[in-house]
C-alpha atoms as a PDB file:
ATOM      1  CA  UNK A   1     -33.134 -17.114   2.212  1.00  0.00           C
ATOM      2  CA  UNK A   2     -31.312 -13.861   2.259  1.00  0.00           C
ATOM      3  CA  UNK A   3     -33.123 -10.541   2.310  1.00  0.00           C
ATOM      4  CA  UNK A   4     -31.896  -7.501   0.089  1.00  0.00           C
ATOM      5  CA  UNK A   5     -32.779  -4.570   1.233  1.00  0.00           C
ATOM      6  CA  UNK A   6     -32.753  -1.503  -1.241  1.00  0.00           C
ATOM      7  CA  UNK A   7     -32.638   1.963  -0.477  1.00  0.00           C
ATOM      8  CA  UNK A   8     -33.141   4.151  -3.585  1.00  0.00           C
ATOM      9  CA  UNK A   9     -32.669   7.351  -1.847  1.00  0.00           C
ATOM     10  CA  UNK A  10     -28.874   6.606  -0.374  1.00  0.00           C
ATOM     11  CA  UNK A  11     -28.329   4.671  -3.902  1.00  0.00           C
ATOM     12  CA  UNK A  12     -27.246   1.586  -1.483  1.00  0.00           C
ATOM     13  CA  UNK A  13     -28.402  -1.720  -0.552  1.00  0.00           C
ATOM     14  CA  UNK A  14     -27.692  -4.520   2.004  1.00  0.00           C
ATOM     15  CA  UNK A  15     -27.400  -7.998   1.210  1.00  0.00           C
ATOM     16  CA  UNK A  16     -27.730 -10.134   4.587  1.00  0.00           C
ATOM     17  CA  UNK A  17     -24.867  -8.585   6.392  1.00  0.00           C
ATOM     18  CA  UNK A  18     -22.974  -7.422   3.382  1.00  0.00           C
ATOM     19  CA  UNK A  19     -23.532  -3.301   3.032  1.00  0.00           C
ATOM     20  CA  UNK A  20     -21.609  -2.764   0.585  1.00  0.00           C
ATOM     21  CA  UNK A  21     -23.569  -2.371  -2.567  1.00  0.00           C
ATOM     22  CA  UNK A  22     -23.980   0.516  -4.627  1.00  0.00           C
ATOM     23  CA  UNK A  23     -27.105   1.229  -6.912  1.00  0.00           C
ATOM     24  CA  UNK A  24     -25.403   2.401 -10.129  1.00  0.00           C
ATOM     25  CA  UNK A  25     -27.853   2.848 -12.081  1.00  0.00           C
ATOM     26  CA  UNK A  26     -31.976   2.480 -12.446  1.00  0.00           C
ATOM     27  CA  UNK A  27     -35.409   3.452 -14.482  1.00  0.00           C
ATOM     28  CA  UNK A  28     -38.987   2.782 -14.558  1.00  0.00           C
ATOM     29  CA  UNK A  29     -38.335  -0.880 -14.758  1.00  0.00           C
ATOM     30  CA  UNK A  30     -34.557  -2.083 -13.417  1.00  0.00           C
ATOM     31  CA  UNK A  31     -32.492  -1.534 -10.703  1.00  0.00           C
ATOM     32  CA  UNK A  32     -28.281  -2.199 -11.074  1.00  0.00           C
ATOM     33  CA  UNK A  33     -25.942  -3.056  -8.042  1.00  0.00           C
ATOM     34  CA  UNK A  34     -22.824  -3.343  -7.971  1.00  0.00           C
ATOM     35  CA  UNK A  35     -21.031  -4.234  -5.166  1.00  0.00           C
ATOM     36  CA  UNK A  36     -18.283  -2.025  -3.088  1.00  0.00           C
ATOM     37  CA  UNK A  37     -16.657  -5.163  -1.414  1.00  0.00           C
ATOM     38  CA  UNK A  38     -12.730  -4.960  -0.992  1.00  0.00           C
ATOM     39  CA  UNK A  39     -12.684  -8.098  -1.257  1.00  0.00           C
ATOM     40  CA  UNK A  40     -12.745  -7.993  -5.127  1.00  0.00           C
ATOM     41  CA  UNK A  41      -9.334  -7.421  -6.120  1.00  0.00           C
ATOM     42  CA  UNK A  42     -10.109  -9.177  -9.553  1.00  0.00           C
ATOM     43  CA  UNK A  43     -13.628  -8.292 -10.621  1.00  0.00           C
ATOM     44  CA  UNK A  44     -16.380  -8.357  -8.699  1.00  0.00           C
ATOM     45  CA  UNK A  45     -20.604  -8.416  -8.480  1.00  0.00           C
ATOM     46  CA  UNK A  46     -23.632  -7.027 -10.204  1.00  0.00           C
ATOM     47  CA  UNK A  47     -27.049  -7.480  -9.789  1.00  0.00           C
ATOM     48  CA  UNK A  48     -30.199  -6.580 -12.214  1.00  0.00           C
ATOM     49  CA  UNK A  49     -33.394  -6.920 -10.679  1.00  0.00           C
ATOM     50  CA  UNK A  50     -36.332  -6.073 -12.419  1.00  0.00           C
ATOM     51  CA  UNK A  51     -38.785  -4.137  -9.891  1.00  0.00           C
ATOM     52  CA  UNK A  52     -42.026  -5.642 -10.575  1.00  0.00           C
ATOM     53  CA  UNK A  53     -41.431  -9.303 -11.396  1.00  0.00           C
ATOM     54  CA  UNK A  54     -38.901  -9.580  -8.424  1.00  0.00           C
ATOM     55  CA  UNK A  55     -36.319 -11.740 -11.708  1.00  0.00           C
ATOM     56  CA  UNK A  56     -33.517 -11.084 -11.263  1.00  0.00           C
ATOM     57  CA  UNK A  57     -29.876 -11.699 -12.459  1.00  0.00           C
ATOM     58  CA  UNK A  58     -26.721 -11.570 -10.113  1.00  0.00           C
ATOM     59  CA  UNK A  59     -23.187 -12.119 -11.835  1.00  0.00           C
ATOM     60  CA  UNK A  60     -19.346 -12.354 -10.402  1.00  0.00           C
ATOM     61  CA  UNK A  61     -16.370 -12.234 -12.128  1.00  0.00           C
ATOM     62  CA  UNK A  62     -13.135 -12.749  -9.884  1.00  0.00           C
ATOM     63  CA  UNK A  63     -10.557 -15.438  -8.761  1.00  0.00           C
ATOM     64  CA  UNK A  64     -11.866 -18.481  -7.865  1.00  0.00           C
ATOM     65  CA  UNK A  65     -10.033 -21.302  -5.829  1.00  0.00           C
ATOM     66  CA  UNK A  66     -10.704 -24.484  -7.024  1.00  0.00           C
ATOM     67  CA  UNK A  67      -9.468 -26.571  -4.288  1.00  0.00           C
ATOM     68  CA  UNK A  68     -10.443 -26.043  -0.422  1.00  0.00           C
ATOM     69  CA  UNK A  69      -6.502 -25.083   0.716  1.00  0.00           C
ATOM     70  CA  UNK A  70      -6.755 -21.649  -1.423  1.00  0.00           C
ATOM     71  CA  UNK A  71      -4.027 -22.630  -3.816  1.00  0.00           C
ATOM     72  CA  UNK A  72      -4.722 -23.504  -7.757  1.00  0.00           C
ATOM     73  CA  UNK A  73      -6.912 -19.350  -8.096  1.00  0.00           C
ATOM     74  CA  UNK A  74      -8.007 -19.026 -11.277  1.00  0.00           C
ATOM     75  CA  UNK A  75     -10.432 -16.491 -13.639  1.00  0.00           C
ATOM     76  CA  UNK A  76     -13.618 -17.683 -13.944  1.00  0.00           C
ATOM     77  CA  UNK A  77     -17.283 -16.635 -13.361  1.00  0.00           C
ATOM     78  CA  UNK A  78     -20.928 -17.562 -12.816  1.00  0.00           C
ATOM     79  CA  UNK A  79     -24.462 -16.178 -13.130  1.00  0.00           C
ATOM     80  CA  UNK A  80     -27.408 -17.478 -11.239  1.00  0.00           C
ATOM     81  CA  UNK A  81     -31.238 -16.310 -11.887  1.00  0.00           C
ATOM     82  CA  UNK A  82     -33.762 -16.065  -9.727  1.00  0.00           C
ATOM     83  CA  UNK A  83     -37.137 -14.388  -8.533  1.00  0.00           C
ATOM     84  CA  UNK A  84     -37.435 -12.217  -5.396  1.00  0.00           C
ATOM     85  CA  UNK A  85     -40.269 -13.699  -3.653  1.00  0.00           C
ATOM     86  CA  UNK A  86     -40.897 -10.600  -1.443  1.00  0.00           C
ATOM     87  CA  UNK A  87     -41.327  -7.397  -2.863  1.00  0.00           C
ATOM     88  CA  UNK A  88     -41.805  -3.735  -1.180  1.00  0.00           C
ATOM     89  CA  UNK A  89     -41.930  -0.921  -3.708  1.00  0.00           C
END
């Protein structure tokens, strides 16, 4: 489990050791985070988190390597769904 810490006053978040997350929108039910990582020259990552249930969807679109040697990069994407098991709001 990798901890996700959201600071709504600073509009930022830290996911594990990655502090390159920005709160781009929020309302009474949802928080949307977007990665500011410079590793994403094409595409990027986005999280949408439901504040009360902890349910989330994370999406990534970018150049992904299909071979272990870094060749054969293709535009691709994935979606992860889950529930945060520890909430502090």
